[in-house]
C-alpha atoms as a PDB file:
ATOM      1  CA  MET A   1     -25.285  15.190  13.875  1.00  0.00           C
ATOM      2  CA  THR A   2     -24.213  13.218  10.795  1.00  0.00           C
ATOM      3  CA  ALA A   3     -23.288  14.795   7.479  1.00  0.00           C
ATOM      4  CA  HIS A   4     -26.468  13.573   5.768  1.00  0.00           C
ATOM      5  CA  ARG A   5     -28.669  14.978   8.513  1.00  0.00           C
ATOM      6  CA  ARG A   6     -26.930  18.363   8.215  1.00  0.00           C
ATOM      7  CA  LEU A   7     -27.237  18.239   4.419  1.00  0.00           C
ATOM      8  CA  LEU A   8     -30.912  17.411   4.645  1.00  0.00           C
ATOM      9  CA  GLY A   9     -31.732  20.183   7.109  1.00  0.00           C
ATOM     10  CA  TRP A  10     -33.909  18.082   9.403  1.00  0.00           C
ATOM     11  CA  GLN A  11     -34.702  20.760  11.967  1.00  0.00           C
ATOM     12  CA  ASP A  12     -38.381  21.761  11.913  1.00  0.00           C
ATOM     13  CA  ARG A  13     -39.006  20.909   8.273  1.00  0.00           C
ATOM     14  CA  ARG A  14     -41.721  18.876   6.650  1.00  0.00           C
ATOM     15  CA  VAL A  15     -40.092  15.701   5.394  1.00  0.00           C
ATOM     16  CA  SER A  16     -41.215  14.192   2.122  1.00  0.00           C
ATOM     17  CA  GLU A  17     -40.428  10.872   0.545  1.00  0.00           C
ATOM     18  CA  TRP A  18     -38.610  10.285  -2.735  1.00  0.00           C
ATOM     19  CA  VAL A  19     -38.268   7.157  -4.832  1.00  0.00           C
ATOM     20  CA  PHE A  20     -35.079   6.594  -6.802  1.00  0.00           C
ATOM     21  CA  PHE A  21     -35.263   4.023  -9.577  1.00  0.00           C
ATOM     22  CA  MET A  22     -32.039   2.617 -10.972  1.00  0.00           C
ATOM     23  CA  HIS A  23     -32.618   1.205 -14.454  1.00  0.00           C
ATOM     24  CA  PRO A  24     -30.114  -1.409 -15.642  1.00  0.00           C
ATOM     25  CA  PRO A  25     -28.514  -1.226 -19.102  1.00  0.00           C
ATOM     26  CA  ARG A  26     -29.456  -4.823 -19.968  1.00  0.00           C
ATOM     27  CA  ASP A  27     -31.636  -7.737 -18.891  1.00  0.00           C
ATOM     28  CA  ASP A  28     -30.264 -10.116 -16.243  1.00  0.00           C
ATOM     29  CA  PHE A  29     -27.961  -7.365 -15.017  1.00  0.00           C
ATOM     30  CA  ILE A  30     -27.323  -8.893 -11.582  1.00  0.00           C
ATOM     31  CA  ALA A  31     -26.226 -12.212 -13.088  1.00  0.00           C
ATOM     32  CA  THR A  32     -24.037 -10.613 -15.765  1.00  0.00           C
ATOM     33  CA  MET A  33     -22.261  -7.782 -13.937  1.00  0.00           C
ATOM     34  CA  THR A  34     -18.686  -7.030 -14.940  1.00  0.00           C
ATOM     35  CA  GLY A  35     -15.940  -6.572 -12.373  1.00  0.00           C
ATOM     36  CA  ALA A  36     -16.245  -2.789 -12.637  1.00  0.00           C
ATOM     37  CA  GLU A  37     -20.017  -2.986 -12.148  1.00  0.00           C
ATOM     38  CA  ARG A  38     -19.562  -5.212  -9.075  1.00  0.00           C
ATOM     39  CA  SER A  39     -17.089  -2.722  -7.606  1.00  0.00           C
ATOM     40  CA  ALA A  40     -19.563   0.109  -8.177  1.00  0.00           C
ATOM     41  CA  PHE A  41     -22.243  -1.956  -6.431  1.00  0.00           C
ATOM     42  CA  ASP A  42     -19.967  -2.514  -3.431  1.00  0.00           C
ATOM     43  CA  ALA A  43     -19.725   1.285  -3.144  1.00  0.00           C
ATOM     44  CA  HIS A  44     -23.502   1.504  -3.701  1.00  0.00           C
ATOM     45  CA  ALA A  45     -24.121  -0.848  -0.747  1.00  0.00           C
ATOM     46  CA  ALA A  46     -21.890   1.327   1.458  1.00  0.00           C
ATOM     47  CA  TRP A  47     -23.789   4.438   0.285  1.00  0.00           C
ATOM     48  CA  LEU A  48     -27.117   2.794   1.216  1.00  0.00           C
ATOM     49  CA  ARG A  49     -25.795   1.685   4.630  1.00  0.00           C
ATOM     50  CA  THR A  50     -24.758   5.282   5.341  1.00  0.00           C
ATOM     51  CA  LEU A  51     -28.204   6.602   4.387  1.00  0.00           C
ATOM     52  CA  LEU A  52     -29.817   3.951   6.589  1.00  0.00           C
ATOM     53  CA  ALA A  53     -27.554   4.767   9.552  1.00  0.00           C
ATOM     54  CA  ASP A  54     -28.321   8.478   9.096  1.00  0.00           C
ATOM     55  CA  GLY A  55     -32.074   7.816   9.225  1.00  0.00           C
ATOM     56  CA  VAL A  56     -32.574   8.929   5.606  1.00  0.00           C
ATOM     57  CA  LEU A  57     -33.263   5.607   3.845  1.00  0.00           C
ATOM     58  CA  ILE A  58     -36.682   3.999   4.324  1.00  0.00           C
ATOM     59  CA  VAL A  59     -36.312   0.890   2.127  1.00  0.00           C
ATOM     60  CA  SER A  60     -34.239  -0.309  -0.830  1.00  0.00           C
ATOM     61  CA  GLY A  61     -33.661  -3.346  -2.993  1.00  0.00           C
ATOM     62  CA  PRO A  62     -33.647  -4.738  -6.515  1.00  0.00           C
ATOM     63  CA  CYS A  63     -36.530  -6.085  -8.534  1.00  0.00           C
ATOM     64  CA  LEU A  64     -35.893  -9.761  -9.195  1.00  0.00           C
ATOM     65  CA  GLY A  65     -36.377 -11.591 -12.458  1.00  0.00           C
ATOM     66  CA  GLN A  66     -35.067 -10.611 -15.866  1.00  0.00           C
ATOM     67  CA  VAL A  67     -35.196  -6.810 -15.366  1.00  0.00           C
ATOM     68  CA  ASN A  68     -33.293  -5.826 -12.212  1.00  0.00           C
ATOM     69  CA  THR A  69     -34.477  -2.271 -11.576  1.00  0.00           C
ATOM     70  CA  GLY A  70     -33.226  -1.009  -8.221  1.00  0.00           C
ATOM     71  CA  ILE A  71     -35.511   0.974  -5.931  1.00  0.00           C
ATOM     72  CA  ALA A  72     -34.616   3.202  -2.974  1.00  0.00           C
ATOM     73  CA  ILE A  73     -37.197   5.179  -1.017  1.00  0.00           C
ATOM     74  CA  PHE A  74     -35.792   7.874   1.217  1.00  0.00           C
ATOM     75  CA  GLU A  75     -36.686  11.101   2.987  1.00  0.00           C
ATOM     76  CA  ALA A  76     -35.630  14.594   1.957  1.00  0.00           C
ATOM     77  CA  PRO A  77     -37.321  17.928   2.642  1.00  0.00           C
ATOM     78  CA  ASP A  78     -37.288  19.124  -0.975  1.00  0.00           C
ATOM     79  CA  GLU A  79     -36.255  18.213  -4.517  1.00  0.00           C
ATOM     80  CA  ASP A  80     -32.915  20.030  -4.425  1.00  0.00           C
ATOM     81  CA  THR A  81     -31.897  18.082  -1.350  1.00  0.00           C
ATOM     82  CA  ALA A  82     -33.137  14.800  -2.832  1.00  0.00           C
ATOM     83  CA  ARG A  83     -31.057  15.451  -5.947  1.00  0.00           C
ATOM     84  CA  ARG A  84     -27.982  16.097  -3.796  1.00  0.00           C
ATOM     85  CA  VAL A  85     -28.565  12.789  -1.997  1.00  0.00           C
ATOM     86  CA  VAL A  86     -28.732  10.755  -5.216  1.00  0.00           C
ATOM     87  CA  ALA A  87     -25.836  12.660  -6.792  1.00  0.00           C
ATOM     88  CA  ASP A  88     -23.595  10.705  -4.384  1.00  0.00           C
ATOM     89  CA  GLU A  89     -24.914   7.321  -5.548  1.00  0.00           C
ATOM     90  CA  PRO A  90     -21.936   5.520  -7.206  1.00  0.00           C
ATOM     91  CA  VAL A  91     -23.697   3.226  -9.710  1.00  0.00           C
ATOM     92  CA  THR A  92     -25.726   5.891 -11.493  1.00  0.00           C
ATOM     93  CA  SER A  93     -23.114   8.629 -11.130  1.00  0.00           C
ATOM     94  CA  GLY A  94     -20.591   6.162 -12.586  1.00  0.00           C
ATOM     95  CA  GLY A  95     -22.792   5.559 -15.630  1.00  0.00           C
ATOM     96  CA  TYR A  96     -23.517   1.870 -14.877  1.00  0.00           C
ATOM     97  CA  MET A  97     -27.287   2.406 -14.548  1.00  0.00           C
ATOM     98  CA  ARG A  98     -29.712   5.217 -15.354  1.00  0.00           C
ATOM     99  CA  GLY A  99     -31.213   6.963 -12.337  1.00  0.00           C
ATOM    100  CA  ASP A 100     -34.782   8.272 -12.172  1.00  0.00           C
ATOM    101  CA  LEU A 101     -35.793  10.376  -9.125  1.00  0.00           C
ATOM    102  CA  ARG A 102     -39.486  10.992  -8.405  1.00  0.00           C
ATOM    103  CA  PRO A 103     -41.501  12.435  -5.512  1.00  0.00           C
ATOM    104  CA  TYR A 104     -43.254   9.701  -3.571  1.00  0.00           C
ATOM    105  CA  ARG A 105     -45.975   9.561  -0.952  1.00  0.00           C
ATOM    106  CA  LEU A 106     -45.948   6.673   1.487  1.00  0.00           C
ATOM    107  CA  GLY A 107     -49.655   5.825   1.564  1.00  0.00           C
ATOM    108  CA  LEU A 108     -50.209   2.750   3.675  1.00  0.00           C
ATOM    109  CA  LEU A 109     -47.634   1.066   5.848  1.00  0.00           C
ATOM    110  CA  ARG A 110     -48.015  -2.233   7.691  1.00  0.00           C
ATOM    111  CA  GLY A 111     -47.753  -1.624  11.419  1.00  0.00           C
ATOM    112  CA  ARG A 112     -48.485   2.089  11.048  1.00  0.00           C
ATOM    113  CA  ASP A 113     -51.837   2.177   9.246  1.00  0.00           C
ATOM    114  CA  ARG A 114     -54.975   0.128   9.677  1.00  0.00           C
END
């Protein structure tokens, strides 16, 4: 069992979804990142790959255009656990973007719902 699965306590618990918004400090953030910001995003990509491999991450990516808000939707059984998951995120914990965690309900999903 991976560390994230142990942290999240997957055994016999109702799983809920969480959305984590990452708000950039300026417009056109992706195009204007500094070296330090790019390094933090390399660590961010590794963090996301780990969550995906652990079966925690559902979907993630940036909004395109002038405002590059990042979005990650993941599973966690409760708010405390969700907060522990995002506490490890390097871009927001490093102060490069502002994080905003909210409960989320996956309503309709192509391939699952009709």
